[in-house]
Protein backbone atom coordinates (compact mmCIF):
# COMPACT_ATOMS: atom_id res chain seq x y z
CA MET A 1 3.30 36.65 -15.39
CA PRO A 2 1.80 33.16 -14.76
CA SER A 3 0.66 32.34 -11.24
CA ALA A 4 2.37 29.60 -9.26
CA ILE A 5 -0.61 27.47 -10.03
CA ASP A 6 -0.11 27.77 -13.82
CA ALA A 7 3.69 27.54 -13.69
CA ALA A 8 3.84 24.42 -11.51
CA GLY A 9 4.17 21.97 -14.38
CA TRP A 10 0.77 20.34 -14.38
CA ARG A 11 0.21 18.18 -17.42
CA PHE A 12 -3.15 16.60 -16.98
CA ASP A 13 -4.95 14.11 -19.08
CA ASN A 14 -8.33 12.76 -18.03
CA SER A 15 -8.80 9.40 -19.62
CA TYR A 16 -11.21 8.16 -16.87
CA THR A 17 -13.75 10.83 -17.66
CA ARG A 18 -13.91 9.38 -21.24
CA LEU A 19 -15.54 6.24 -19.77
CA PRO A 20 -19.28 5.89 -19.45
CA PRO A 21 -20.62 8.37 -16.89
CA GLY A 22 -22.01 5.62 -14.77
CA LEU A 23 -18.56 4.96 -13.47
CA PHE A 24 -18.01 8.43 -11.96
CA THR A 25 -19.73 11.77 -11.02
CA ARG A 26 -18.16 15.08 -11.75
CA SER A 27 -17.55 16.67 -8.38
CA THR A 28 -15.45 19.57 -7.18
CA PRO A 29 -13.61 19.78 -3.81
CA VAL A 30 -15.47 21.72 -1.09
CA PRO A 31 -13.34 24.82 -0.21
CA VAL A 32 -11.84 25.09 3.23
CA LYS A 33 -11.43 28.10 5.44
CA HIS A 34 -7.64 28.47 5.78
CA PRO A 35 -5.56 26.17 3.52
CA GLY A 36 -2.01 25.95 4.73
CA PRO A 37 1.09 23.80 3.82
CA VAL A 38 2.01 20.91 6.11
CA PHE A 39 4.07 18.51 4.03
CA LEU A 40 5.49 18.41 0.47
CA ASN A 41 7.23 15.37 -1.06
CA ALA A 42 9.70 17.35 -3.17
CA PRO A 43 11.43 14.37 -4.83
CA LEU A 44 8.13 12.84 -5.87
CA ALA A 45 6.98 16.25 -7.19
CA THR A 46 10.10 16.55 -9.27
CA ALA A 47 9.64 13.02 -10.64
CA LEU A 48 6.15 13.95 -11.70
CA GLY A 49 7.38 16.89 -13.62
CA LEU A 50 6.25 19.47 -11.14
CA ASP A 51 8.12 22.50 -9.85
CA ALA A 52 8.79 21.59 -6.24
CA ALA A 53 10.02 25.00 -5.31
CA GLY A 54 6.85 26.55 -6.65
CA LEU A 55 4.61 24.17 -4.72
CA SER A 56 5.52 25.35 -1.23
CA GLY A 57 3.55 28.64 -1.00
CA PRO A 58 -0.08 29.57 -0.45
CA ASP A 59 -1.13 29.03 -4.05
CA ALA A 60 0.00 25.43 -3.81
CA ALA A 61 -1.76 24.95 -0.46
CA ALA A 62 -4.89 26.14 -2.10
CA ILE A 63 -4.61 23.41 -4.77
CA PHE A 64 -3.70 20.74 -2.29
CA ALA A 65 -6.63 21.66 0.01
CA GLY A 66 -9.09 21.80 -2.86
CA ASN A 67 -9.65 25.54 -2.93
CA ALA A 68 -8.18 25.95 -6.44
CA ILE A 69 -8.21 23.58 -9.43
CA PRO A 70 -4.96 23.29 -11.38
CA PRO A 71 -5.10 23.85 -15.10
CA GLY A 72 -6.21 20.85 -17.13
CA ALA A 73 -7.77 18.98 -14.21
CA ASP A 74 -11.31 17.57 -14.59
CA PRO A 75 -12.33 16.61 -11.05
CA ILE A 76 -14.47 13.58 -10.48
CA ALA A 77 -15.56 11.16 -7.71
CA GLN A 78 -15.22 7.52 -8.79
CA ALA A 79 -17.91 4.99 -8.22
CA TYR A 80 -17.08 1.49 -6.93
CA ALA A 81 -18.46 -1.23 -4.69
CA GLY A 82 -16.82 -3.55 -2.25
CA HIS A 83 -17.08 -6.53 0.03
CA GLN A 84 -16.41 -4.98 3.42
CA TYR A 85 -15.56 -7.70 5.99
CA GLY A 86 -17.31 -10.06 3.51
CA HIS A 87 -20.51 -8.05 3.05
CA PHE A 88 -21.20 -6.42 -0.36
CA THR A 89 -22.20 -2.75 -0.61
CA ASN A 90 -22.13 0.03 -3.20
CA LEU A 91 -19.52 2.63 -2.26
CA GLY A 92 -17.54 5.33 -4.12
CA ASP A 93 -15.26 8.22 -3.32
CA GLY A 94 -17.04 9.59 -0.33
CA ARG A 95 -14.25 11.92 0.73
CA ALA A 96 -11.91 11.97 -2.34
CA ILE A 97 -11.72 13.74 -5.67
CA LEU A 98 -9.62 12.56 -8.55
CA LEU A 99 -8.24 15.73 -10.19
CA GLY A 100 -6.83 13.89 -13.24
CA GLU A 101 -3.80 12.03 -14.49
CA GLN A 102 -0.43 13.79 -14.43
CA ILE A 103 1.74 12.84 -17.31
CA ALA A 104 5.27 12.64 -16.01
CA PRO A 105 8.39 13.64 -18.03
CA ASP A 106 9.05 9.96 -18.80
CA GLY A 107 5.54 9.54 -20.18
CA SER A 108 4.13 7.58 -17.32
CA ARG A 109 0.62 8.46 -16.07
CA HIS A 110 -0.25 9.06 -12.42
CA ASP A 111 -3.63 9.71 -10.77
CA ILE A 112 -3.63 12.84 -8.59
CA GLN A 113 -6.28 12.50 -5.91
CA LEU A 114 -7.36 14.71 -3.06
CA LYS A 115 -8.34 12.71 0.05
CA GLY A 116 -10.41 14.51 2.62
CA SER A 117 -11.76 17.11 0.15
CA GLY A 118 -15.36 17.17 1.23
CA ARG A 119 -18.66 15.45 0.57
CA THR A 120 -19.52 13.83 -2.78
CA ARG A 121 -22.53 11.95 -4.14
CA TYR A 122 -21.05 8.79 -2.51
CA SER A 123 -20.48 10.14 1.02
CA ARG A 124 -23.37 8.13 2.54
CA GLY A 125 -23.80 10.55 5.45
CA GLY A 126 -20.12 11.15 6.08
CA ASP A 127 -18.59 14.67 6.23
CA GLY A 128 -16.12 13.95 3.52
CA ARG A 129 -13.28 15.25 5.57
CA ALA A 130 -10.07 13.82 7.06
CA ALA A 131 -8.08 14.56 10.16
CA LEU A 132 -4.41 15.61 10.17
CA GLY A 133 -3.12 12.54 12.06
CA PRO A 134 -4.39 9.85 9.65
CA MET A 135 -3.26 11.74 6.62
CA LEU A 136 0.28 12.13 8.01
CA ARG A 137 0.13 8.47 8.92
CA GLU A 138 -0.52 7.53 5.25
CA VAL A 139 2.55 9.65 4.37
CA LEU A 140 4.74 7.76 6.75
CA ILE A 141 3.53 4.32 5.81
CA SER A 142 3.27 4.78 2.02
CA GLU A 143 6.63 6.35 1.80
CA ALA A 144 8.19 3.72 3.92
CA MET A 145 6.69 1.03 1.71
CA HIS A 146 8.09 2.80 -1.39
CA ALA A 147 11.53 2.86 0.29
CA LEU A 148 11.21 -0.91 0.99
CA GLY A 149 10.61 -1.47 -2.72
CA ILE A 150 6.95 -2.53 -2.26
CA PRO A 151 4.44 -1.24 -4.87
CA THR A 152 2.38 1.50 -3.32
CA THR A 153 0.44 4.60 -3.84
CA ARG A 154 2.52 7.63 -2.88
CA SER A 155 2.01 10.82 -0.81
CA LEU A 156 2.69 14.15 -2.61
CA ALA A 157 1.47 16.58 -0.07
CA VAL A 158 -0.69 17.33 2.96
CA ALA A 159 -2.45 20.60 3.45
CA ALA A 160 -4.10 21.91 6.58
CA THR A 161 -7.78 23.03 6.22
CA GLY A 162 -8.00 25.41 9.17
CA GLU A 163 -11.12 23.57 10.19
CA ALA A 164 -11.89 21.05 12.89
CA VAL A 165 -13.04 17.48 12.06
CA LEU A 166 -15.37 15.95 14.57
CA ARG A 167 -14.70 12.32 15.43
CA GLU A 168 -14.60 11.26 19.07
CA ASP A 169 -12.92 14.64 19.63
CA ALA A 170 -12.47 17.71 17.56
CA LEU A 171 -9.26 17.23 15.45
CA PRO A 172 -7.41 19.48 13.01
CA GLY A 173 -8.48 18.86 9.43
CA ALA A 174 -6.28 18.08 6.53
CA VAL A 175 -6.26 16.96 2.91
CA LEU A 176 -3.81 14.37 1.51
CA VAL A 177 -2.71 14.47 -2.09
CA ARG A 178 -2.37 10.90 -3.13
CA VAL A 179 -0.46 9.64 -6.29
CA ALA A 180 -1.32 6.24 -7.80
CA ALA A 181 -0.84 4.22 -10.91
CA SER A 182 -4.62 4.36 -10.92
CA HIS A 183 -7.49 4.08 -8.42
CA ILE A 184 -9.13 1.23 -10.30
CA ARG A 185 -10.12 -1.34 -7.64
CA VAL A 186 -11.51 -4.85 -7.58
CA GLY A 187 -14.61 -3.01 -6.24
CA THR A 188 -14.69 -0.89 -9.40
CA PHE A 189 -15.29 -4.00 -11.49
CA GLN A 190 -17.85 -5.21 -8.96
CA TYR A 191 -19.74 -1.97 -9.28
CA ALA A 192 -19.61 -2.12 -13.07
CA ALA A 193 -21.04 -5.69 -13.03
CA ALA A 194 -23.71 -4.93 -10.43
CA VAL A 195 -25.41 -1.81 -11.64
CA GLY A 196 -27.15 -3.40 -14.67
CA ASP A 197 -25.61 -1.23 -17.44
CA PRO A 198 -24.09 -3.74 -19.92
CA ALA A 199 -21.79 -1.09 -21.35
CA LEU A 200 -19.87 -0.51 -18.10
CA SER A 201 -17.88 -3.73 -17.68
CA PRO A 202 -16.41 -3.94 -21.19
CA ALA A 203 -15.50 -0.22 -21.15
CA LEU A 204 -13.79 -0.51 -17.79
CA LEU A 205 -11.94 -3.68 -18.78
CA ALA A 206 -10.64 -2.02 -22.01
CA HIS A 207 -9.59 1.09 -20.03
CA ALA A 208 -7.80 -0.97 -17.29
CA ILE A 209 -5.92 -2.87 -20.00
CA ARG A 210 -4.84 0.29 -21.74
CA ARG A 211 -3.78 1.72 -18.40
CA HIS A 212 -1.87 -1.22 -16.90
CA ASP A 213 -1.47 -4.01 -19.42
CA PRO A 214 -1.39 -2.53 -22.99
CA GLN A 215 0.45 -5.65 -24.18
CA LEU A 216 -2.81 -7.55 -23.58
CA ALA A 217 -4.93 -5.42 -25.99
CA ASP A 218 -4.80 -8.06 -28.70
CA ALA A 219 -5.07 -11.12 -26.45
CA GLU A 220 -7.49 -13.79 -27.63
CA GLU A 221 -9.45 -13.52 -24.40
CA PRO A 222 -8.55 -10.11 -22.80
CA ALA A 223 -10.58 -10.64 -19.62
CA LEU A 224 -8.82 -13.85 -18.76
CA ALA A 225 -5.38 -12.41 -19.64
CA PHE A 226 -6.08 -9.32 -17.51
CA LEU A 227 -7.22 -11.50 -14.56
CA GLU A 228 -4.02 -13.50 -14.88
CA ALA A 229 -1.92 -10.38 -14.78
CA VAL A 230 -3.75 -9.01 -11.71
CA ILE A 231 -3.41 -12.35 -9.88
CA ASP A 232 0.32 -12.28 -10.50
CA ARG A 233 0.69 -8.73 -9.26
CA GLN A 234 -1.32 -9.34 -6.14
CA ALA A 235 0.45 -12.64 -5.38
CA ALA A 236 3.74 -10.83 -5.50
CA LEU A 237 2.49 -7.84 -3.49
CA ILE A 238 1.03 -9.86 -0.64
CA ALA A 239 4.20 -11.96 -0.45
CA ARG A 240 6.17 -8.77 0.00
CA TRP A 241 3.78 -7.54 2.72
CA LEU A 242 4.37 -10.76 4.73
CA GLN A 243 8.13 -10.47 4.45
CA VAL A 244 8.35 -7.05 6.04
CA GLY A 245 5.71 -7.90 8.68
CA PHE A 246 3.06 -5.62 7.23
CA VAL A 247 -0.61 -6.07 8.09
CA HIS A 248 -2.88 -4.15 5.81
CA GLY A 249 -5.77 -4.30 8.22
CA VAL A 250 -8.73 -3.70 5.90
CA MET A 251 -8.36 -5.91 2.80
CA ASN A 252 -11.86 -5.22 1.56
CA THR A 253 -12.29 -5.54 -2.20
CA ASP A 254 -12.52 -1.79 -2.57
CA ASN A 255 -9.00 -1.62 -1.16
CA MET A 256 -7.36 -3.96 -3.68
CA ALA A 257 -6.01 -2.04 -6.64
CA VAL A 258 -5.78 -3.92 -9.95
CA SER A 259 -2.42 -2.08 -10.56
CA GLY A 260 -0.86 -4.21 -7.74
CA GLU A 261 -0.10 -1.17 -5.62
CA THR A 262 -0.78 -1.11 -1.90
CA ILE A 263 -3.63 1.27 -1.39
CA ASP A 264 -5.61 2.77 1.58
CA TYR A 265 -3.49 2.96 4.69
CA GLY A 266 -6.15 2.93 7.32
CA PRO A 267 -5.74 0.53 10.26
CA CYS A 268 -2.46 -0.90 8.98
CA ALA A 269 0.72 -1.56 11.07
CA PHE A 270 3.90 -3.61 11.17
CA LEU A 271 4.67 -6.54 13.44
CA ASP A 272 6.81 -6.07 16.37
CA ALA A 273 6.90 -9.50 18.10
CA TYR A 274 6.15 -12.16 15.52
CA ASP A 275 2.73 -13.74 15.91
CA PRO A 276 0.97 -14.83 12.71
CA THR A 277 -2.47 -14.20 14.20
CA THR A 278 -1.71 -10.54 14.85
CA VAL A 279 -4.59 -8.09 14.07
CA PHE A 280 -4.25 -4.35 14.60
CA SER A 281 -7.59 -3.01 13.46
CA SER A 282 -9.89 -2.19 16.30
CA ILE A 283 -12.93 -3.41 14.39
CA ASP A 284 -11.44 -6.73 13.03
CA ARG A 285 -12.57 -8.71 16.06
CA GLN A 286 -12.59 -12.04 14.23
CA GLY A 287 -9.15 -11.77 12.81
CA ARG A 288 -10.30 -11.78 9.20
CA TYR A 289 -7.38 -9.70 8.11
CA ALA A 290 -4.62 -10.99 10.41
CA TRP A 291 -1.00 -11.25 9.09
CA ALA A 292 -1.21 -14.84 8.22
CA ASN A 293 -4.72 -14.62 6.58
CA GLN A 294 -3.71 -12.00 3.95
CA PRO A 295 -2.88 -14.49 1.13
CA GLY A 296 -6.23 -16.34 1.56
CA ILE A 297 -8.07 -13.02 1.66
CA GLY A 298 -6.21 -11.84 -1.49
CA HIS A 299 -7.34 -14.99 -3.25
CA TRP A 300 -10.94 -14.46 -2.08
CA ASN A 301 -10.88 -10.90 -3.33
CA LEU A 302 -9.60 -12.09 -6.70
CA ALA A 303 -12.44 -14.55 -6.90
CA ARG A 304 -14.81 -11.51 -6.66
CA LEU A 305 -12.87 -9.90 -9.48
CA ALA A 306 -13.24 -13.08 -11.56
CA GLU A 307 -16.99 -13.05 -10.96
CA SER A 308 -17.21 -9.46 -12.09
CA LEU A 309 -15.34 -10.19 -15.29
CA LEU A 310 -17.68 -12.96 -16.39
CA PRO A 311 -19.97 -10.57 -18.30
CA THR A 312 -16.96 -9.64 -20.59
CA ILE A 313 -16.21 -13.16 -21.62
CA PRO A 314 -18.02 -14.13 -24.84
CA GLY A 315 -19.70 -17.47 -25.37
CA ASP A 316 -21.37 -20.05 -23.20
CA GLU A 317 -21.59 -18.96 -19.50
CA LYS A 318 -20.62 -22.39 -18.09
CA ALA A 319 -17.60 -22.58 -20.40
CA ALA A 320 -16.65 -19.04 -19.43
CA LEU A 321 -16.94 -20.02 -15.79
CA ASP A 322 -14.72 -23.01 -16.26
CA ARG A 323 -11.99 -21.00 -18.04
CA ILE A 324 -11.98 -18.20 -15.51
CA SER A 325 -11.92 -20.69 -12.59
CA THR A 326 -8.87 -22.28 -14.11
CA VAL A 327 -7.08 -18.94 -14.25
CA LEU A 328 -8.14 -18.03 -10.61
CA ALA A 329 -6.78 -21.37 -9.32
CA THR A 330 -3.26 -20.33 -10.37
CA PHE A 331 -3.08 -17.84 -7.45
CA THR A 332 -1.86 -20.45 -4.92
CA ALA A 333 1.07 -21.54 -7.09
CA ARG A 334 1.97 -17.96 -8.01
CA PHE A 335 1.95 -16.82 -4.39
CA ALA A 336 4.00 -19.78 -3.37
CA GLU A 337 6.57 -18.90 -6.13
CA HIS A 338 6.78 -15.25 -5.13
CA SER A 339 6.84 -16.09 -1.41
CA LEU A 340 9.61 -18.65 -1.64
CA ALA A 341 11.75 -16.34 -3.72
CA GLY A 342 11.35 -13.64 -1.04
CA TRP A 343 12.17 -15.85 1.83
CA ARG A 344 15.28 -17.10 0.06
CA ALA A 345 16.53 -13.57 -0.34
CA LYS A 346 15.72 -12.78 3.31
CA LEU A 347 17.75 -15.78 4.41
CA GLY A 348 20.74 -14.91 2.10
CA LEU A 349 20.19 -17.81 -0.22
CA ARG A 350 21.48 -17.44 -3.74
CA THR A 351 20.90 -21.05 -4.85
CA GLU A 352 17.83 -23.21 -4.66
CA GLU A 353 17.24 -26.36 -2.60
CA ASP A 354 14.06 -28.32 -1.90
CA GLY A 355 14.16 -27.63 1.82
CA ASP A 356 14.31 -23.83 1.62
CA GLN A 357 10.66 -23.22 2.34
CA ALA A 358 10.88 -25.52 5.36
CA LEU A 359 13.93 -23.58 6.57
CA ALA A 360 12.04 -20.30 6.41
CA THR A 361 8.99 -21.85 8.04
CA ALA A 362 11.17 -23.23 10.84
CA LEU A 363 12.63 -19.76 11.53
CA LEU A 364 9.10 -18.23 11.84
CA ALA A 365 8.10 -21.06 14.16
CA ALA A 366 11.08 -20.48 16.36
CA MET A 367 10.42 -16.75 16.45
CA GLU A 368 6.78 -17.28 17.38
CA GLY A 369 7.74 -19.63 20.17
CA ILE A 370 9.85 -16.99 21.92
CA GLY A 371 7.99 -13.78 20.73
CA ALA A 372 11.01 -12.64 18.82
CA ASP A 373 10.94 -9.27 17.17
CA PHE A 374 10.24 -9.75 13.44
CA THR A 375 12.35 -6.98 11.91
CA GLY A 376 15.09 -7.24 14.55
CA THR A 377 15.53 -10.97 13.96
CA PHE A 378 15.81 -10.75 10.19
CA SER A 379 18.09 -7.64 10.27
CA GLY A 380 20.38 -9.59 12.61
CA LEU A 381 20.93 -12.37 10.08
CA ALA A 382 23.73 -10.54 8.27
CA ALA A 383 25.92 -10.33 11.41
CA ALA A 384 24.92 -13.98 12.24
CA ALA A 385 26.07 -15.15 8.81
CA GLU A 386 29.55 -13.55 9.25
CA ALA A 387 30.08 -14.28 13.00
CA PRO A 388 32.33 -17.37 13.57
CA VAL A 389 30.26 -18.26 16.67
CA ALA A 390 26.65 -17.74 17.57
CA THR A 391 25.63 -14.45 19.00
CA PRO A 392 22.33 -13.28 20.59
CA PRO A 393 19.56 -14.04 19.81
CA PHE A 394 20.91 -17.04 17.79
CA ASP A 395 22.96 -18.48 20.60
CA ALA A 396 20.26 -20.23 22.71
CA GLY A 397 16.98 -22.09 22.46
CA PRO A 398 15.12 -22.70 19.21
CA LEU A 399 16.96 -19.94 17.34
CA ALA A 400 20.30 -21.64 18.08
CA ASP A 401 19.12 -24.96 16.63
CA TRP A 402 17.76 -23.08 13.56
CA ARG A 403 21.05 -21.17 13.08
CA ALA A 404 22.96 -24.42 12.85
CA ALA A 405 20.73 -25.73 10.06
CA TRP A 406 20.86 -22.32 8.32
CA ARG A 407 24.64 -22.00 8.52
CA ALA A 408 24.98 -25.51 7.01
CA ARG A 409 22.63 -24.39 4.14
CA LEU A 410 24.84 -21.29 3.55
CA ASP A 411 27.98 -23.40 3.54
CA ARG A 412 26.47 -25.48 0.65
CA GLN A 413 26.35 -22.36 -1.60
CA PRO A 414 29.41 -21.70 -3.88
CA GLN A 415 29.26 -18.06 -3.03
CA PRO A 416 31.25 -16.84 -0.01
CA LEU A 417 29.47 -15.86 3.20
CA ALA A 418 30.28 -12.21 2.55
CA GLU A 419 27.99 -12.30 -0.56
CA ALA A 420 25.24 -13.86 1.54
CA ALA A 421 25.63 -11.16 4.12
CA ALA A 422 25.49 -8.47 1.48
CA LEU A 423 22.20 -9.86 0.15
CA LEU A 424 20.86 -10.06 3.72
CA ARG A 425 21.64 -6.36 4.25
CA ARG A 426 19.94 -5.42 1.00
CA THR A 427 16.82 -7.41 1.73
CA ASN A 428 16.18 -7.04 5.47
CA PRO A 429 15.40 -3.52 6.63
CA LEU A 430 16.86 -2.13 9.83
CA VAL A 431 14.08 0.36 10.19
CA ILE A 432 10.28 0.06 9.69
CA PRO A 433 7.58 2.51 10.90
CA ARG A 434 7.55 1.18 14.48
CA ASN A 435 4.04 1.59 15.83
CA HIS A 436 5.05 3.39 19.02
CA ARG A 437 7.31 5.74 16.96
CA VAL A 438 4.47 6.51 14.53
CA GLU A 439 2.04 7.37 17.42
CA GLU A 440 4.71 9.64 19.01
CA ALA A 441 5.35 11.44 15.76
CA LEU A 442 1.69 11.96 14.90
CA ALA A 443 0.74 13.13 18.41
CA ALA A 444 3.53 15.77 18.14
CA ALA A 445 2.42 16.82 14.70
CA VAL A 446 -1.14 17.21 15.68
CA ALA A 447 0.06 19.39 18.59
CA GLY A 448 1.98 21.56 16.02
CA GLU A 449 5.48 20.13 16.39
CA MET A 450 6.58 18.61 13.06
CA ALA A 451 10.24 17.77 13.90
CA PRO A 452 9.48 14.19 15.25
CA PHE A 453 7.50 13.41 12.10
CA GLU A 454 10.16 14.70 9.82
CA LYS A 455 12.89 12.67 11.65
CA LEU A 456 10.86 9.51 11.57
CA LEU A 457 10.04 10.00 7.84
CA ASP A 458 13.70 10.39 7.10
CA ALA A 459 14.49 7.20 9.00
CA VAL A 460 11.79 5.03 7.39
CA THR A 461 12.63 6.26 3.86
CA HIS A 462 16.20 5.05 4.40
CA PRO A 463 15.28 1.61 5.88
CA PHE A 464 18.50 -0.22 5.07
CA ASP A 465 20.96 2.47 6.26
CA ASP A 466 22.94 1.74 9.40
CA THR A 467 23.52 5.39 10.42
CA PRO A 468 23.51 7.21 13.80
CA SER A 469 20.38 9.04 12.86
CA ASN A 470 18.54 5.77 12.11
CA ARG A 471 19.59 3.81 15.16
CA PRO A 472 17.00 5.33 17.60
CA TYR A 473 14.26 4.02 15.35
CA ARG A 474 15.37 0.32 15.21
CA ASP A 475 14.16 -0.82 18.57
CA GLY A 476 10.78 -2.32 19.37
CA PRO A 477 8.30 -0.89 21.82
CA PRO A 478 9.21 -0.28 25.43
CA SER A 479 8.39 -3.11 27.81
CA GLY A 480 4.97 -2.98 29.32
CA CYS A 481 3.21 -1.69 26.25
CA GLY A 482 -0.11 -3.37 25.69
CA PRO A 483 -1.52 -4.62 22.38
CA TYR A 484 -1.37 -2.03 19.67
CA LYS A 485 -4.68 -1.01 18.11
CA THR A 486 -5.34 1.09 14.99
CA PHE A 487 -8.35 2.90 13.68
CA CYS A 488 -9.42 3.65 10.14
CA GLY A 489 -9.36 7.38 10.66
CA THR A 490 -12.63 8.07 8.76
């Protein structure tokens, strides 16, 4: 009779290991003392073709913690580089192991990675481990982002290690099982271009195109076509971040995936009161990765990708630089297009007028002036569209003036207000992972009480539902709370 490990439905391929070995190192997870189940994302497991019922016992915990390798896996640590706060360094998976690529029933391919699975060649003095709180934080935020319709890595499982992790204090250890379209980063291309092996960059480019843009395989200039595709994905992604008040917190080039998925939920958080200069990361003292700076940083990171692709463009170097610069310059217009489309939806606009961007900008300015709650203001627009008279917070001050202009704009649409209100309810979430709620849930989980985490996870994965169970999670922080700060959790 097959074990739960063999019967779980693993269908691995390992295309990354067929690349030149300079891009990775074969590495196995370091076993832990007492692997135990903490969290399983049963719907995601089923979508991946796995037997969710069979992944809840000790055999599954052994896989998720790294003590057992599922059949067909070929574990590796990936090499990459990165500009961290603007400074270039060689990096790599210092506490992560890629088991392989699960082939789902629909034929799609998904990286299965263990995060917190012990030291690798790239650990640079770190212990290769992760604490329970940050791993559960990634579950909450990544699954919330997925529910919001924003491309993201996913969280399949968390396993306890039965070992302490030493940070400022001794913390319970854990391993996260992360699922991604791939873990190819801008920093992966930077690494390939920097190490001096001319075979790496062309092989990596061909692999990335096969993985994410197979329609570009016969493009006249594959590197330029691939760059164009990545630019469009990143422009769309960052626009979506801004429109839910998300601050990634550490937009280093090693944290930008060429797939266009949000990756690496370290010091990230969501806005409460709207302030475009908001920074949550405790180490981002200059505001490099503030909410409003994210489009510019995205463009900067894509410039580093463009530089790394230059060796794959045949012909004269100056001509190649001119062509790649022309493609890179399209980011601004692409971001503006994605951004305006998103703001129109958040304002209930089904038609297009020249003043729509100014209308969105005016709302943000009014919100900033009074410190209005970002999510609460936008989620209140549906009721404001249908109400015959202004209601709080749109009945006084700058928001009242803005409401008058907005209602006049809605009245110029041929669609009835009910249709605008329906769009507003589909677009503006009622619930996000409020920072104070996240901290409450994680503190309880670390203390051994998972119920607050489970309730919050249910709420943030149904962000548009106006239900009694969701209502406690809609409010901002209690008065008197100081500035919220996050930490990377490494």
